[in-house]
């Protein structure tokens, strides 16, 4: 089982999303998103290949995967020998070019 490491940028994006969700939809919606992120996090520990290769980042030397969370967000990550690094937490409604620049 690999450990999960969230990059500072990914943590910040997740925190920002949580604040937005709570402000717009309430505490219960934020809690549901948080539970889903934890669930996916635990799935990745035991099954790192869970997400497909992220097509927006296919041209990079590092292979990035992504898993959709609650239809509107993606956890973007790459797999190393010792751990899984969560590189970003994307809102999929944004422009794809903006999203790919945040990881590069």
N, C-alpha and C. Protein backbone atom coordinates (compact mmCIF):
# COMPACT_ATOMS: atom_id res chain seq x y z
N UNK A 1 0.85 -1.17 0.00
CA UNK A 1 0.00 0.00 0.00
C UNK A 1 0.90 1.24 0.00
N UNK A 2 0.64 2.13 -0.94
CA UNK A 2 1.44 3.35 -1.05
C UNK A 2 0.83 4.46 -0.21
N UNK A 3 1.70 5.36 0.22
CA UNK A 3 1.21 6.53 0.95
C UNK A 3 0.80 7.61 -0.04
N UNK A 4 -0.10 8.47 0.39
CA UNK A 4 -0.59 9.58 -0.43
C UNK A 4 0.02 10.87 0.11
N UNK A 5 0.58 11.65 -0.79
CA UNK A 5 1.13 12.96 -0.43
C UNK A 5 0.42 14.01 -1.28
N UNK A 6 -0.19 14.99 -0.63
CA UNK A 6 -0.84 16.10 -1.34
C UNK A 6 0.17 17.24 -1.47
N UNK A 7 0.37 17.72 -2.67
CA UNK A 7 1.25 18.87 -2.89
C UNK A 7 0.60 20.11 -2.26
N UNK A 8 1.40 21.12 -1.93
CA UNK A 8 0.82 22.35 -1.37
C UNK A 8 -0.23 22.98 -2.30
N UNK A 9 0.02 22.94 -3.60
CA UNK A 9 -0.94 23.50 -4.55
C UNK A 9 -2.25 22.73 -4.57
N UNK A 10 -2.16 21.41 -4.48
CA UNK A 10 -3.36 20.58 -4.46
C UNK A 10 -4.16 20.83 -3.18
N UNK A 11 -3.46 20.94 -2.05
CA UNK A 11 -4.13 21.23 -0.78
C UNK A 11 -4.85 22.57 -0.85
N UNK A 12 -4.17 23.57 -1.42
CA UNK A 12 -4.77 24.91 -1.52
C UNK A 12 -6.00 24.88 -2.43
N UNK A 13 -5.92 24.16 -3.54
CA UNK A 13 -7.07 24.06 -4.45
C UNK A 13 -8.24 23.35 -3.78
N UNK A 14 -7.96 22.30 -3.02
CA UNK A 14 -9.01 21.58 -2.30
C UNK A 14 -9.65 22.49 -1.25
N UNK A 15 -8.82 23.19 -0.49
CA UNK A 15 -9.33 24.11 0.54
C UNK A 15 -10.20 25.20 -0.07
N UNK A 16 -9.75 25.75 -1.19
CA UNK A 16 -10.51 26.80 -1.87
C UNK A 16 -11.86 26.26 -2.35
N UNK A 17 -11.86 25.07 -2.89
CA UNK A 17 -13.10 24.44 -3.34
C UNK A 17 -14.03 24.18 -2.17
N UNK A 18 -13.49 23.71 -1.06
CA UNK A 18 -14.31 23.45 0.13
C UNK A 18 -14.97 24.74 0.63
N UNK A 19 -14.21 25.83 0.66
CA UNK A 19 -14.77 27.11 1.09
C UNK A 19 -15.89 27.57 0.16
N UNK A 20 -15.68 27.41 -1.14
CA UNK A 20 -16.69 27.79 -2.11
C UNK A 20 -17.96 26.95 -1.94
N UNK A 21 -17.79 25.65 -1.81
CA UNK A 21 -18.94 24.74 -1.66
C UNK A 21 -19.74 25.11 -0.41
N UNK A 22 -19.03 25.36 0.68
CA UNK A 22 -19.73 25.71 1.92
C UNK A 22 -20.47 27.04 1.78
N UNK A 23 -19.84 28.02 1.15
CA UNK A 23 -20.48 29.33 0.99
C UNK A 23 -21.71 29.25 0.09
N UNK A 24 -21.63 28.46 -0.96
CA UNK A 24 -22.72 28.40 -1.94
C UNK A 24 -23.80 27.38 -1.58
N UNK A 25 -23.40 26.24 -0.98
CA UNK A 25 -24.34 25.14 -0.81
C UNK A 25 -24.49 24.66 0.63
N UNK A 26 -23.68 25.18 1.53
CA UNK A 26 -23.82 24.84 2.94
C UNK A 26 -22.81 23.83 3.44
N UNK A 27 -22.84 23.68 4.75
CA UNK A 27 -21.89 22.81 5.44
C UNK A 27 -22.07 21.34 5.04
N UNK A 28 -23.30 20.90 4.88
CA UNK A 28 -23.54 19.50 4.53
C UNK A 28 -22.92 19.15 3.19
N UNK A 29 -23.00 20.05 2.23
CA UNK A 29 -22.41 19.80 0.91
C UNK A 29 -20.88 19.71 1.02
N UNK A 30 -20.29 20.58 1.83
CA UNK A 30 -18.84 20.54 2.04
C UNK A 30 -18.43 19.22 2.69
N UNK A 31 -19.20 18.77 3.66
CA UNK A 31 -18.90 17.50 4.34
C UNK A 31 -19.01 16.33 3.37
N UNK A 32 -20.01 16.34 2.49
CA UNK A 32 -20.16 15.27 1.50
C UNK A 32 -18.95 15.23 0.56
N UNK A 33 -18.50 16.41 0.11
CA UNK A 33 -17.33 16.46 -0.76
C UNK A 33 -16.09 15.95 -0.02
N UNK A 34 -15.93 16.36 1.21
CA UNK A 34 -14.78 15.92 2.00
C UNK A 34 -14.77 14.40 2.17
N UNK A 35 -15.93 13.82 2.43
CA UNK A 35 -16.02 12.35 2.56
C UNK A 35 -15.67 11.66 1.25
N UNK A 36 -16.12 12.22 0.14
CA UNK A 36 -15.83 11.62 -1.15
C UNK A 36 -14.33 11.70 -1.47
N UNK A 37 -13.71 12.83 -1.15
CA UNK A 37 -12.26 12.97 -1.37
C UNK A 37 -11.51 11.94 -0.52
N UNK A 38 -11.92 11.75 0.72
CA UNK A 38 -11.29 10.74 1.57
C UNK A 38 -11.47 9.33 1.00
N UNK A 39 -12.68 9.05 0.50
CA UNK A 39 -12.96 7.73 -0.07
C UNK A 39 -12.05 7.45 -1.26
N UNK A 40 -11.92 8.44 -2.17
CA UNK A 40 -11.06 8.28 -3.34
C UNK A 40 -9.60 8.15 -2.89
N UNK A 41 -9.20 8.95 -1.92
CA UNK A 41 -7.84 8.88 -1.37
C UNK A 41 -7.53 7.46 -0.90
N UNK A 42 -8.46 6.86 -0.16
CA UNK A 42 -8.26 5.50 0.34
C UNK A 42 -8.23 4.47 -0.79
N UNK A 43 -9.05 4.67 -1.80
CA UNK A 43 -9.03 3.77 -2.96
C UNK A 43 -7.69 3.82 -3.68
N UNK A 44 -7.13 5.03 -3.81
CA UNK A 44 -5.85 5.18 -4.50
C UNK A 44 -4.71 4.49 -3.76
N UNK A 45 -4.78 4.45 -2.44
CA UNK A 45 -3.73 3.79 -1.65
C UNK A 45 -3.57 2.32 -2.06
N UNK A 46 -4.69 1.66 -2.29
CA UNK A 46 -4.64 0.24 -2.61
C UNK A 46 -4.68 -0.04 -4.10
N UNK A 47 -5.11 0.94 -4.89
CA UNK A 47 -5.22 0.75 -6.33
C UNK A 47 -4.73 2.01 -7.06
N UNK A 48 -3.42 2.24 -7.12
CA UNK A 48 -2.88 3.46 -7.71
C UNK A 48 -3.25 3.67 -9.17
N UNK A 49 -3.51 2.61 -9.89
CA UNK A 49 -3.86 2.73 -11.31
C UNK A 49 -5.35 2.97 -11.53
N UNK A 50 -6.06 3.32 -10.48
CA UNK A 50 -7.51 3.51 -10.54
C UNK A 50 -7.92 4.50 -11.63
N UNK A 51 -7.26 5.64 -11.69
CA UNK A 51 -7.62 6.66 -12.67
C UNK A 51 -6.90 6.47 -13.98
N UNK A 52 -7.58 6.82 -15.07
CA UNK A 52 -6.91 6.73 -16.38
C UNK A 52 -5.85 7.82 -16.52
N UNK A 53 -5.00 7.67 -17.51
CA UNK A 53 -4.01 8.71 -17.80
C UNK A 53 -4.76 9.98 -18.18
N UNK A 54 -4.36 11.11 -17.61
CA UNK A 54 -5.02 12.39 -17.87
C UNK A 54 -4.64 12.87 -19.27
N UNK A 55 -5.61 12.95 -20.20
CA UNK A 55 -5.29 13.31 -21.58
C UNK A 55 -4.73 14.73 -21.75
N UNK A 56 -5.12 15.65 -20.87
CA UNK A 56 -4.60 17.02 -20.97
C UNK A 56 -3.12 17.12 -20.63
N UNK A 57 -2.59 16.08 -19.97
CA UNK A 57 -1.19 16.10 -19.53
C UNK A 57 -0.38 14.98 -20.17
N UNK A 58 -0.91 14.38 -21.21
CA UNK A 58 -0.25 13.23 -21.84
C UNK A 58 1.09 13.56 -22.47
N UNK A 59 1.33 14.83 -22.80
CA UNK A 59 2.59 15.21 -23.44
C UNK A 59 3.73 15.44 -22.46
N UNK A 60 3.48 15.32 -21.17
CA UNK A 60 4.52 15.55 -20.16
C UNK A 60 5.33 14.27 -19.92
N UNK A 61 6.57 14.41 -19.46
CA UNK A 61 7.39 13.22 -19.21
C UNK A 61 6.89 12.38 -18.04
N UNK A 62 6.21 13.01 -17.08
CA UNK A 62 5.63 12.29 -15.96
C UNK A 62 4.22 11.86 -16.37
N UNK A 63 3.84 10.64 -16.03
CA UNK A 63 2.51 10.16 -16.37
C UNK A 63 1.54 10.55 -15.25
N UNK A 64 0.58 11.40 -15.60
CA UNK A 64 -0.43 11.84 -14.65
C UNK A 64 -1.72 11.07 -14.88
N UNK A 65 -2.36 10.72 -13.78
CA UNK A 65 -3.67 10.06 -13.80
C UNK A 65 -4.67 11.01 -13.15
N UNK A 66 -5.95 10.76 -13.37
CA UNK A 66 -6.97 11.57 -12.69
C UNK A 66 -8.19 10.73 -12.36
N UNK A 67 -8.84 11.12 -11.27
CA UNK A 67 -10.07 10.47 -10.83
C UNK A 67 -11.10 11.58 -10.61
N UNK A 68 -12.28 11.39 -11.19
CA UNK A 68 -13.35 12.37 -11.02
C UNK A 68 -13.98 12.20 -9.65
N UNK A 69 -14.20 13.35 -8.99
CA UNK A 69 -14.82 13.37 -7.66
C UNK A 69 -16.07 14.24 -7.75
N UNK A 70 -17.20 13.66 -7.44
CA UNK A 70 -18.48 14.40 -7.42
C UNK A 70 -18.76 15.11 -8.74
N UNK A 71 -18.46 14.52 -9.85
CA UNK A 71 -18.75 14.97 -11.21
C UNK A 71 -18.10 16.29 -11.63
N UNK A 72 -17.73 17.16 -10.72
CA UNK A 72 -17.23 18.48 -11.11
C UNK A 72 -15.77 18.72 -10.75
N UNK A 73 -15.12 17.74 -10.15
CA UNK A 73 -13.72 17.91 -9.74
C UNK A 73 -12.93 16.67 -10.11
N UNK A 74 -11.62 16.89 -10.27
CA UNK A 74 -10.70 15.78 -10.54
C UNK A 74 -9.54 15.85 -9.58
N UNK A 75 -9.15 14.70 -9.08
CA UNK A 75 -7.89 14.58 -8.37
C UNK A 75 -6.87 14.15 -9.41
N UNK A 76 -5.84 14.97 -9.60
CA UNK A 76 -4.79 14.68 -10.57
C UNK A 76 -3.56 14.23 -9.78
N UNK A 77 -2.99 13.09 -10.18
CA UNK A 77 -1.88 12.52 -9.41
C UNK A 77 -0.91 11.78 -10.30
N UNK A 78 0.29 11.54 -9.75
CA UNK A 78 1.23 10.66 -10.42
C UNK A 78 1.78 9.67 -9.40
N UNK A 79 2.26 8.57 -9.92
CA UNK A 79 2.70 7.45 -9.08
C UNK A 79 4.21 7.38 -9.11
N UNK A 80 4.82 7.34 -7.93
CA UNK A 80 6.27 7.12 -7.86
C UNK A 80 6.51 5.74 -7.24
N UNK A 81 7.75 5.38 -7.08
CA UNK A 81 8.08 4.08 -6.50
C UNK A 81 7.58 3.94 -5.07
N UNK A 82 7.62 5.04 -4.31
CA UNK A 82 7.31 4.96 -2.88
C UNK A 82 5.96 5.54 -2.47
N UNK A 83 5.38 6.39 -3.31
CA UNK A 83 4.15 7.06 -2.90
C UNK A 83 3.34 7.52 -4.12
N UNK A 84 2.18 8.06 -3.83
CA UNK A 84 1.34 8.69 -4.85
C UNK A 84 1.27 10.16 -4.49
N UNK A 85 1.60 11.01 -5.44
CA UNK A 85 1.54 12.45 -5.17
C UNK A 85 0.32 13.05 -5.87
N UNK A 86 -0.55 13.64 -5.06
CA UNK A 86 -1.68 14.39 -5.60
C UNK A 86 -1.13 15.74 -6.03
N UNK A 87 -1.18 15.99 -7.34
CA UNK A 87 -0.58 17.20 -7.89
C UNK A 87 -1.54 18.37 -7.94
N UNK A 88 -2.83 18.07 -8.12
CA UNK A 88 -3.81 19.16 -8.20
C UNK A 88 -5.21 18.63 -7.96
N UNK A 89 -6.09 19.54 -7.63
CA UNK A 89 -7.52 19.28 -7.46
C UNK A 89 -8.22 20.25 -8.39
N UNK A 90 -8.73 19.74 -9.51
CA UNK A 90 -9.27 20.58 -10.58
C UNK A 90 -10.78 20.68 -10.54
N UNK A 91 -11.26 21.87 -10.83
CA UNK A 91 -12.67 22.09 -11.14
C UNK A 91 -12.77 21.88 -12.65
N UNK A 92 -13.49 20.88 -13.09
CA UNK A 92 -13.50 20.51 -14.51
C UNK A 92 -14.26 21.50 -15.38
N UNK A 93 -14.93 22.47 -14.79
CA UNK A 93 -15.65 23.47 -15.58
C UNK A 93 -14.72 24.57 -16.10
N UNK A 94 -13.51 24.61 -15.63
CA UNK A 94 -12.55 25.62 -16.08
C UNK A 94 -12.00 25.25 -17.46
N UNK A 95 -11.35 26.23 -18.09
CA UNK A 95 -10.73 26.01 -19.39
C UNK A 95 -9.62 24.96 -19.28
N UNK A 96 -9.58 24.00 -20.18
CA UNK A 96 -8.56 22.93 -20.11
C UNK A 96 -7.13 23.46 -20.12
N UNK A 97 -6.86 24.51 -20.88
CA UNK A 97 -5.49 25.05 -20.93
C UNK A 97 -5.06 25.57 -19.56
N UNK A 98 -5.97 26.21 -18.84
CA UNK A 98 -5.68 26.71 -17.51
C UNK A 98 -5.36 25.56 -16.57
N UNK A 99 -6.10 24.49 -16.69
CA UNK A 99 -5.90 23.34 -15.82
C UNK A 99 -4.54 22.70 -16.06
N UNK A 100 -4.18 22.52 -17.34
CA UNK A 100 -2.90 21.86 -17.61
C UNK A 100 -1.72 22.72 -17.21
N UNK A 101 -1.85 24.03 -17.24
CA UNK A 101 -0.76 24.92 -16.82
C UNK A 101 -0.54 24.85 -15.31
N UNK A 102 -1.57 24.54 -14.55
CA UNK A 102 -1.42 24.50 -13.09
C UNK A 102 -0.54 23.33 -12.64
N UNK A 103 -0.43 22.30 -13.44
CA UNK A 103 0.39 21.14 -13.10
C UNK A 103 1.80 21.28 -13.66
N UNK A 104 1.93 21.89 -14.82
CA UNK A 104 3.24 21.99 -15.50
C UNK A 104 4.21 22.86 -14.76
